[in-house]
Amino acid sequence: MKPSDYLRRRTSRSVFSTHLTEVERNAILAGVRDGVQEAYCGGFGVVLSVITADRKLLFFRRSKNTAGDWGTYDCTVVESFNYEKDVEHGQPSVMRNALRGLFEEAGLEDRTGDIQRMIRFFGVVCRSHFYEWALYGTLDLSGTGYTASQFAERYATATRRKGSLWTLRHQHDTLGESFGLAHDAFEFVEYVAVDFNVRDVLRFITQRSMSEYSFINAILTLRSVLNVSQDTIARELLTLRRGGD
């Protein structure tokens, strides 16, 4: 990605998201059902799902202070590429993009390089509504001390440093464990950990309001990490739609 590519993508994204009406956007989207044309691509970034040491898949509910997808859940870290910050040895670095997202959005700092070695990228997704491309992957914290509750504590500490009022609470319902509520947080207001298995993850994403990235990335994580087949996921989704537990 050259600097000119980055500037073009930022400009395209701004024009498409703020200067076109919904009718005009939909007219363009209707003509690119098979994929967003490169000329219209308005952004690039990284989407990382996080699996904790106690085998929980993490979700964060977005606050009303974010640019979009208010109140929906992310799975979990979504970070747009920054040409000034995400560079290594003078070249754009997807890994720098991912690590910055983990630090800024989840308070996870990689001082020893261990976290970097746990990141695996699996493919590319496109969010057509905003004309964004993203490299999707996972951070599997198995074998570390980062359980869901410890991850929540670290995230709470990071948001407190930013001035957000975070009151940790631990409650459990049929869909997952909620560890806290951040009042006036910029990015996220709720943190939820879901048992990392096919049934529980699919139940969560079908019964909660999800961002496009989050829904797709949760399914891709099941396929990439647990090697769950597409047919198995389709059958489970059909069962849930019919009212199965």
C-alpha atoms as a PDB file:
ATOM      1  CA  MET A   1       0.000   0.000   0.000  1.00  0.00           C
ATOM      2  CA  LYS A   2       1.584   3.228  -1.200  1.00  0.00           C
ATOM      3  CA  PRO A   3       0.877   6.594   0.464  1.00  0.00           C
ATOM      4  CA  SER A   4      -1.199   7.508  -2.598  1.00  0.00           C
ATOM      5  CA  ASP A   5      -3.305   4.356  -2.083  1.00  0.00           C
ATOM      6  CA  TYR A   6      -3.909   5.295   1.531  1.00  0.00           C
ATOM      7  CA  LEU A   7      -4.952   8.861   0.697  1.00  0.00           C
ATOM      8  CA  ARG A   8      -7.248   7.658  -2.080  1.00  0.00           C
ATOM      9  CA  ARG A   9      -8.913   5.144   0.220  1.00  0.00           C
ATOM     10  CA  ARG A  10      -9.456   7.717   2.979  1.00  0.00           C
ATOM     11  CA  THR A  11     -10.890  10.204   0.463  1.00  0.00           C
ATOM     12  CA  SER A  12     -13.123   7.575  -1.149  1.00  0.00           C
ATOM     13  CA  ARG A  13     -14.397   6.453   2.236  1.00  0.00           C
ATOM     14  CA  SER A  14     -15.180  10.019   3.269  1.00  0.00           C
ATOM     15  CA  VAL A  15     -17.030  10.758   0.045  1.00  0.00           C
ATOM     16  CA  PHE A  16     -18.954   7.498   0.091  1.00  0.00           C
ATOM     17  CA  SER A  17     -19.918   7.575   3.768  1.00  0.00           C
ATOM     18  CA  THR A  18     -20.690  11.268   4.259  1.00  0.00           C
ATOM     19  CA  HIS A  19     -21.324  12.970   0.908  1.00  0.00           C
ATOM     20  CA  LEU A  20     -23.630  10.489  -0.815  1.00  0.00           C
ATOM     21  CA  THR A  21     -27.255   9.989   0.083  1.00  0.00           C
ATOM     22  CA  GLU A  22     -28.534   6.566   1.117  1.00  0.00           C
ATOM     23  CA  VAL A  23     -30.222   6.263  -2.299  1.00  0.00           C
ATOM     24  CA  GLU A  24     -26.970   7.047  -4.106  1.00  0.00           C
ATOM     25  CA  ARG A  25     -25.010   4.585  -1.954  1.00  0.00           C
ATOM     26  CA  ASN A  26     -27.546   1.829  -2.492  1.00  0.00           C
ATOM     27  CA  ALA A  27     -27.473   2.432  -6.244  1.00  0.00           C
ATOM     28  CA  ILE A  28     -23.701   1.846  -6.258  1.00  0.00           C
ATOM     29  CA  LEU A  29     -23.921  -1.162  -3.939  1.00  0.00           C
ATOM     30  CA  ALA A  30     -26.589  -2.749  -6.136  1.00  0.00           C
ATOM     31  CA  GLY A  31     -24.083  -2.926  -8.979  1.00  0.00           C
ATOM     32  CA  VAL A  32     -21.279  -4.654  -7.051  1.00  0.00           C
ATOM     33  CA  ARG A  33     -22.971  -7.726  -5.577  1.00  0.00           C
ATOM     34  CA  ASP A  34     -19.967  -9.870  -6.538  1.00  0.00           C
ATOM     35  CA  GLY A  35     -17.516  -7.700  -4.622  1.00  0.00           C
ATOM     36  CA  VAL A  36     -16.468  -4.115  -4.153  1.00  0.00           C
ATOM     37  CA  GLN A  37     -14.520  -2.678  -7.047  1.00  0.00           C
ATOM     38  CA  GLU A  38     -11.007  -1.631  -6.118  1.00  0.00           C
ATOM     39  CA  ALA A  39     -11.594   1.881  -7.415  1.00  0.00           C
ATOM     40  CA  TYR A  40     -14.291   2.404  -4.809  1.00  0.00           C
ATOM     41  CA  CYS A  41     -12.536   0.764  -1.872  1.00  0.00           C
ATOM     42  CA  GLY A  42     -12.581   3.260   0.970  1.00  0.00           C
ATOM     43  CA  GLY A  43     -10.569   1.557   3.667  1.00  0.00           C
ATOM     44  CA  PHE A  44      -8.463  -1.317   4.861  1.00  0.00           C
ATOM     45  CA  GLY A  45      -7.819  -2.754   8.287  1.00  0.00           C
ATOM     46  CA  VAL A  46      -7.656  -5.767  10.557  1.00  0.00           C
ATOM     47  CA  VAL A  47     -10.417  -7.727  12.283  1.00  0.00           C
ATOM     48  CA  LEU A  48      -9.246  -9.989  15.127  1.00  0.00           C
ATOM     49  CA  SER A  49     -11.320 -12.347  17.244  1.00  0.00           C
ATOM     50  CA  VAL A  50      -9.878 -13.159  20.672  1.00  0.00           C
ATOM     51  CA  ILE A  51     -10.005 -16.576  22.352  1.00  0.00           C
ATOM     52  CA  THR A  52      -9.042 -16.496  26.025  1.00  0.00           C
ATOM     53  CA  ALA A  53      -7.000 -19.012  28.003  1.00  0.00           C
ATOM     54  CA  ASP A  54     -10.211 -20.480  29.461  1.00  0.00           C
ATOM     55  CA  ARG A  55     -11.616 -20.967  25.932  1.00  0.00           C
ATOM     56  CA  LYS A  56     -14.029 -18.061  25.702  1.00  0.00           C
ATOM     57  CA  LEU A  57     -14.722 -16.078  22.549  1.00  0.00           C
ATOM     58  CA  LEU A  58     -14.874 -12.371  23.362  1.00  0.00           C
ATOM     59  CA  PHE A  59     -17.471  -9.850  22.252  1.00  0.00           C
ATOM     60  CA  PHE A  60     -17.642  -6.104  22.941  1.00  0.00           C
ATOM     61  CA  ARG A  61     -20.809  -4.022  22.607  1.00  0.00           C
ATOM     62  CA  ARG A  62     -20.127  -0.698  20.929  1.00  0.00           C
ATOM     63  CA  SER A  63     -21.021   2.578  22.604  1.00  0.00           C
ATOM     64  CA  LYS A  64     -23.001   5.487  21.156  1.00  0.00           C
ATOM     65  CA  ASN A  65     -19.780   7.491  20.872  1.00  0.00           C
ATOM     66  CA  THR A  66     -18.362   5.458  18.001  1.00  0.00           C
ATOM     67  CA  ALA A  67     -18.615   6.308  14.314  1.00  0.00           C
ATOM     68  CA  GLY A  68     -21.216   3.629  13.612  1.00  0.00           C
ATOM     69  CA  ASP A  69     -22.818   0.292  14.536  1.00  0.00           C
ATOM     70  CA  TRP A  70     -24.060   1.757  17.828  1.00  0.00           C
ATOM     71  CA  GLY A  71     -25.141  -0.850  20.349  1.00  0.00           C
ATOM     72  CA  THR A  72     -24.007  -3.802  18.240  1.00  0.00           C
ATOM     73  CA  TYR A  73     -21.436  -6.382  19.243  1.00  0.00           C
ATOM     74  CA  ASP A  74     -17.963  -6.710  17.744  1.00  0.00           C
ATOM     75  CA  CYS A  75     -15.952  -9.932  17.685  1.00  0.00           C
ATOM     76  CA  THR A  76     -13.852  -8.219  18.784  1.00  0.00           C
ATOM     77  CA  VAL A  77     -11.077  -5.864  17.694  1.00  0.00           C
ATOM     78  CA  VAL A  78     -11.646  -3.883  14.492  1.00  0.00           C
ATOM     79  CA  GLU A  79      -8.880  -1.442  13.595  1.00  0.00           C
ATOM     80  CA  SER A  80      -8.503   0.642  10.439  1.00  0.00           C
ATOM     81  CA  PHE A  81      -5.043   0.939   8.937  1.00  0.00           C
ATOM     82  CA  ASN A  82      -3.098   4.098   9.774  1.00  0.00           C
ATOM     83  CA  TYR A  83      -0.276   4.884   7.360  1.00  0.00           C
ATOM     84  CA  GLU A  84       1.664   6.896   9.947  1.00  0.00           C
ATOM     85  CA  LYS A  85       1.457   4.402  12.837  1.00  0.00           C
ATOM     86  CA  ASP A  86       1.230   0.984  11.180  1.00  0.00           C
ATOM     87  CA  VAL A  87       4.603   0.950   9.478  1.00  0.00           C
ATOM     88  CA  GLU A  88       7.658  -1.221  10.072  1.00  0.00           C
ATOM     89  CA  HIS A  89      11.024  -0.700   8.353  1.00  0.00           C
ATOM     90  CA  GLY A  90       9.407   1.922   6.156  1.00  0.00           C
ATOM     91  CA  GLN A  91       6.728  -0.443   4.881  1.00  0.00           C
ATOM     92  CA  PRO A  92       3.026  -0.855   5.786  1.00  0.00           C
ATOM     93  CA  SER A  93       2.621  -3.580   8.401  1.00  0.00           C
ATOM     94  CA  VAL A  94      -0.590  -5.514   8.969  1.00  0.00           C
ATOM     95  CA  MET A  95       0.857  -6.921  12.199  1.00  0.00           C
ATOM     96  CA  ARG A  96       1.488  -3.403  13.536  1.00  0.00           C
ATOM     97  CA  ASN A  97      -2.097  -2.580  12.613  1.00  0.00           C
ATOM     98  CA  ALA A  98      -3.331  -5.611  14.590  1.00  0.00           C
ATOM     99  CA  LEU A  99      -1.173  -4.970  17.660  1.00  0.00           C
ATOM    100  CA  ARG A 100      -2.185  -1.305  17.792  1.00  0.00           C
ATOM    101  CA  GLY A 101      -5.836  -2.334  17.678  1.00  0.00           C
ATOM    102  CA  LEU A 102      -5.364  -4.789  20.537  1.00  0.00           C
ATOM    103  CA  PHE A 103      -3.654  -2.117  22.621  1.00  0.00           C
ATOM    104  CA  GLU A 104      -5.993   0.792  21.865  1.00  0.00           C
ATOM    105  CA  GLU A 105      -9.274  -1.123  21.962  1.00  0.00           C
ATOM    106  CA  ALA A 106      -8.557  -3.910  24.469  1.00  0.00           C
ATOM    107  CA  GLY A 107      -5.625  -2.638  26.542  1.00  0.00           C
ATOM    108  CA  LEU A 108      -3.460  -5.603  25.524  1.00  0.00           C
ATOM    109  CA  GLU A 109       0.184  -4.574  25.181  1.00  0.00           C
ATOM    110  CA  ASP A 110       2.773  -6.742  23.444  1.00  0.00           C
ATOM    111  CA  ARG A 111       6.127  -5.926  25.063  1.00  0.00           C
ATOM    112  CA  THR A 112       7.845  -9.277  24.513  1.00  0.00           C
ATOM    113  CA  GLY A 113       6.479 -10.291  21.123  1.00  0.00           C
ATOM    114  CA  ASP A 114       4.536 -13.225  22.588  1.00  0.00           C
ATOM    115  CA  ILE A 115       1.149 -11.867  21.536  1.00  0.00           C
ATOM    116  CA  GLN A 116       2.355 -11.298  17.996  1.00  0.00           C
ATOM    117  CA  ARG A 117       3.330 -14.964  17.746  1.00  0.00           C
ATOM    118  CA  MET A 118      -0.211 -15.994  18.767  1.00  0.00           C
ATOM    119  CA  ILE A 119      -1.916 -14.065  15.962  1.00  0.00           C
ATOM    120  CA  ARG A 120      -2.991 -16.040  12.905  1.00  0.00           C
ATOM    121  CA  PHE A 121      -4.464 -14.494   9.764  1.00  0.00           C
ATOM    122  CA  PHE A 122      -6.815 -16.608   7.670  1.00  0.00           C
ATOM    123  CA  GLY A 123      -8.266 -14.494   4.874  1.00  0.00           C
ATOM    124  CA  VAL A 124      -9.797 -11.265   3.635  1.00  0.00           C
ATOM    125  CA  VAL A 125     -13.332  -9.983   4.173  1.00  0.00           C
ATOM    126  CA  CYS A 126     -15.119  -7.036   2.595  1.00  0.00           C
ATOM    127  CA  ARG A 127     -17.702  -4.866   4.293  1.00  0.00           C
ATOM    128  CA  SER A 128     -19.568  -3.591   1.273  1.00  0.00           C
ATOM    129  CA  HIS A 129     -21.765  -1.052   3.070  1.00  0.00           C
ATOM    130  CA  PHE A 130     -18.719   1.024   4.017  1.00  0.00           C
ATOM    131  CA  TYR A 131     -16.485  -0.180   1.172  1.00  0.00           C
ATOM    132  CA  GLU A 132     -13.847  -1.534   3.543  1.00  0.00           C
ATOM    133  CA  TRP A 133     -11.499  -4.452   3.133  1.00  0.00           C
ATOM    134  CA  ALA A 134     -10.115  -6.205   6.196  1.00  0.00           C
ATOM    135  CA  LEU A 135      -7.707  -9.011   6.930  1.00  0.00           C
ATOM    136  CA  TYR A 136      -9.368 -11.299   9.444  1.00  0.00           C
ATOM    137  CA  GLY A 137      -7.694 -13.539  11.981  1.00  0.00           C
ATOM    138  CA  THR A 138      -7.566 -14.702  15.573  1.00  0.00           C
ATOM    139  CA  LEU A 139      -5.565 -14.183  18.722  1.00  0.00           C
ATOM    140  CA  ASP A 140      -5.625 -17.491  20.630  1.00  0.00           C
ATOM    141  CA  LEU A 141      -4.433 -16.905  24.202  1.00  0.00           C
ATOM    142  CA  SER A 142      -4.454 -20.580  25.180  1.00  0.00           C
ATOM    143  CA  GLY A 143      -1.527 -21.401  27.438  1.00  0.00           C
ATOM    144  CA  THR A 144      -1.271 -17.851  28.794  1.00  0.00           C
ATOM    145  CA  GLY A 145      -2.677 -16.251  31.932  1.00  0.00           C
ATOM    146  CA  TYR A 146      -5.253 -14.238  30.013  1.00  0.00           C
ATOM    147  CA  THR A 147      -8.521 -15.774  31.165  1.00  0.00           C
ATOM    148  CA  ALA A 148     -11.765 -13.948  30.376  1.00  0.00           C
ATOM    149  CA  SER A 149     -11.917 -12.314  33.823  1.00  0.00           C
ATOM    150  CA  GLN A 150      -8.241 -11.267  33.711  1.00  0.00           C
ATOM    151  CA  PHE A 151      -8.723  -9.888  30.220  1.00  0.00           C
ATOM    152  CA  ALA A 152     -11.705  -7.885  31.495  1.00  0.00           C
ATOM    153  CA  GLU A 153      -9.651  -6.494  34.375  1.00  0.00           C
ATOM    154  CA  ARG A 154      -6.923  -5.381  31.981  1.00  0.00           C
ATOM    155  CA  TYR A 155      -9.484  -3.825  29.656  1.00  0.00           C
ATOM    156  CA  ALA A 156     -11.133  -2.006  32.569  1.00  0.00           C
ATOM    157  CA  THR A 157      -7.764  -0.620  33.668  1.00  0.00           C
ATOM    158  CA  ALA A 158      -7.051   0.598  30.134  1.00  0.00           C
ATOM    159  CA  THR A 159     -10.399   2.406  29.873  1.00  0.00           C
ATOM    160  CA  ARG A 160      -9.934   4.013  33.282  1.00  0.00           C
ATOM    161  CA  ARG A 161      -6.678   5.514  32.026  1.00  0.00           C
ATOM    162  CA  LYS A 162      -8.692   7.129  29.238  1.00  0.00           C
ATOM    163  CA  GLY A 163     -11.063   8.645  31.768  1.00  0.00           C
ATOM    164  CA  SER A 164     -13.956   6.225  31.368  1.00  0.00           C
ATOM    165  CA  LEU A 165     -15.910   5.179  34.439  1.00  0.00           C
ATOM    166  CA  TRP A 166     -15.750   1.400  34.519  1.00  0.00           C
ATOM    167  CA  THR A 167     -17.556  -0.578  37.183  1.00  0.00           C
ATOM    168  CA  LEU A 168     -16.641  -4.244  37.028  1.00  0.00           C
ATOM    169  CA  ARG A 169     -19.465  -6.665  37.544  1.00  0.00           C
ATOM    170  CA  HIS A 170     -19.698 -10.354  36.875  1.00  0.00           C
ATOM    171  CA  GLN A 171     -22.983 -11.835  35.808  1.00  0.00           C
ATOM    172  CA  HIS A 172     -23.880 -14.950  33.864  1.00  0.00           C
ATOM    173  CA  ASP A 173     -26.851 -15.644  31.636  1.00  0.00           C
ATOM    174  CA  THR A 174     -27.680 -18.350  29.129  1.00  0.00           C
ATOM    175  CA  LEU A 175     -25.628 -16.705  26.395  1.00  0.00           C
ATOM    176  CA  GLY A 176     -22.404 -15.821  28.177  1.00  0.00           C
ATOM    177  CA  GLU A 177     -20.615 -14.020  30.992  1.00  0.00           C
ATOM    178  CA  SER A 178     -20.739 -10.248  31.247  1.00  0.00           C
ATOM    179  CA  PHE A 179     -17.773  -8.769  33.110  1.00  0.00           C
ATOM    180  CA  GLY A 180     -18.395  -5.077  33.181  1.00  0.00           C
ATOM    181  CA  LEU A 181     -20.128  -1.912  32.074  1.00  0.00           C
ATOM    182  CA  ALA A 182     -18.177   1.120  30.918  1.00  0.00           C
ATOM    183  CA  HIS A 183     -20.035   4.404  31.379  1.00  0.00           C
ATOM    184  CA  ASP A 184     -19.127   7.071  28.773  1.00  0.00           C
ATOM    185  CA  ALA A 185     -16.494   4.792  27.199  1.00  0.00           C
ATOM    186  CA  PHE A 186     -15.527   5.803  23.678  1.00  0.00           C
ATOM    187  CA  GLU A 187     -15.399   2.376  22.039  1.00  0.00           C
ATOM    188  CA  PHE A 188     -17.234  -0.248  24.102  1.00  0.00           C
ATOM    189  CA  VAL A 189     -19.770  -0.304  26.918  1.00  0.00           C
ATOM    190  CA  GLU A 190     -20.057  -4.011  27.610  1.00  0.00           C
ATOM    191  CA  TYR A 191     -17.743  -6.978  27.575  1.00  0.00           C
ATOM    192  CA  VAL A 192     -19.067 -10.534  27.099  1.00  0.00           C
ATOM    193  CA  ALA A 193     -17.300 -13.899  27.042  1.00  0.00           C
ATOM    194  CA  VAL A 194     -19.002 -16.836  25.316  1.00  0.00           C
ATOM    195  CA  ASP A 195     -17.967 -20.487  25.575  1.00  0.00           C
ATOM    196  CA  PHE A 196     -15.997 -21.256  22.425  1.00  0.00           C
ATOM    197  CA  ASN A 197     -18.044 -24.009  20.846  1.00  0.00           C
ATOM    198  CA  VAL A 198     -20.350 -24.120  17.849  1.00  0.00           C
ATOM    199  CA  ARG A 199     -23.695 -24.106  19.634  1.00  0.00           C
ATOM    200  CA  ASP A 200     -22.967 -21.315  22.147  1.00  0.00           C
ATOM    201  CA  VAL A 201     -21.276 -18.990  19.656  1.00  0.00           C
ATOM    202  CA  LEU A 202     -24.054 -19.368  17.090  1.00  0.00           C
ATOM    203  CA  ARG A 203     -26.723 -18.855  19.751  1.00  0.00           C
ATOM    204  CA  PHE A 204     -25.038 -15.644  20.824  1.00  0.00           C
ATOM    205  CA  ILE A 205     -24.614 -14.130  17.361  1.00  0.00           C
ATOM    206  CA  THR A 206     -28.180 -14.981  16.330  1.00  0.00           C
ATOM    207  CA  GLN A 207     -29.756 -13.573  19.494  1.00  0.00           C
ATOM    208  CA  ARG A 208     -27.734 -10.349  19.756  1.00  0.00           C
ATOM    209  CA  SER A 209     -27.386  -7.377  17.462  1.00  0.00           C
ATOM    210  CA  MET A 210     -24.069  -7.893  15.659  1.00  0.00           C
ATOM    211  CA  SER A 211     -21.947  -5.748  13.379  1.00  0.00           C
ATOM    212  CA  GLU A 212     -21.346  -7.274   9.947  1.00  0.00           C
ATOM    213  CA  TYR A 213     -17.680  -7.918  10.725  1.00  0.00           C
ATOM    214  CA  SER A 214     -18.516  -9.542  14.022  1.00  0.00           C
ATOM    215  CA  PHE A 215     -21.109 -11.951  12.657  1.00  0.00           C
ATOM    216  CA  ILE A 216     -18.892 -13.064   9.800  1.00  0.00           C
ATOM    217  CA  ASN A 217     -15.716 -13.191  11.862  1.00  0.00           C
ATOM    218  CA  ALA A 218     -17.355 -15.330  14.568  1.00  0.00           C
ATOM    219  CA  ILE A 219     -18.335 -17.899  11.943  1.00  0.00           C
ATOM    220  CA  LEU A 220     -14.939 -17.764  10.249  1.00  0.00           C
ATOM    221  CA  THR A 221     -13.282 -18.266  13.648  1.00  0.00           C
ATOM    222  CA  LEU A 222     -15.302 -21.442  14.213  1.00  0.00           C
ATOM    223  CA  ARG A 223     -14.249 -22.711  10.814  1.00  0.00           C
ATOM    224  CA  SER A 224     -10.598 -21.676  11.046  1.00  0.00           C
ATOM    225  CA  VAL A 225      -9.804 -22.617  14.660  1.00  0.00           C
ATOM    226  CA  LEU A 226     -12.204 -25.463  15.417  1.00  0.00           C
ATOM    227  CA  ASN A 227     -12.286 -26.727  11.805  1.00  0.00           C
ATOM    228  CA  VAL A 228     -16.083 -26.741  11.858  1.00  0.00           C
ATOM    229  CA  SER A 229     -17.548 -27.411   8.424  1.00  0.00           C
ATOM    230  CA  GLN A 230     -19.842 -25.023   6.616  1.00  0.00           C
ATOM    231  CA  ASP A 231     -22.554 -27.698   6.551  1.00  0.00           C
ATOM    232  CA  THR A 232     -22.392 -28.128  10.340  1.00  0.00           C
ATOM    233  CA  ILE A 233     -22.736 -24.383  10.877  1.00  0.00           C
ATOM    234  CA  ALA A 234     -25.643 -24.225   8.417  1.00  0.00           C
ATOM    235  CA  ARG A 235     -27.464 -27.050  10.212  1.00  0.00           C
ATOM    236  CA  GLU A 236     -26.978 -25.396  13.613  1.00  0.00           C
ATOM    237  CA  LEU A 237     -28.242 -22.052  12.313  1.00  0.00           C
ATOM    238  CA  LEU A 238     -31.299 -23.766  10.826  1.00  0.00           C
ATOM    239  CA  THR A 239     -31.992 -25.488  14.155  1.00  0.00           C
ATOM    240  CA  LEU A 240     -31.744 -22.169  15.986  1.00  0.00           C
ATOM    241  CA  ARG A 241     -34.049 -20.500  13.495  1.00  0.00           C
ATOM    242  CA  ARG A 242     -36.616 -23.215  14.107  1.00  0.00           C
ATOM    243  CA  GLY A 243     -36.483 -22.564  17.824  1.00  0.00           C
ATOM    244  CA  GLY A 244     -33.957 -25.183  18.963  1.00  0.00           C
ATOM    245  CA  ASP A 245     -32.064 -24.547  22.173  1.00  0.00           C
END
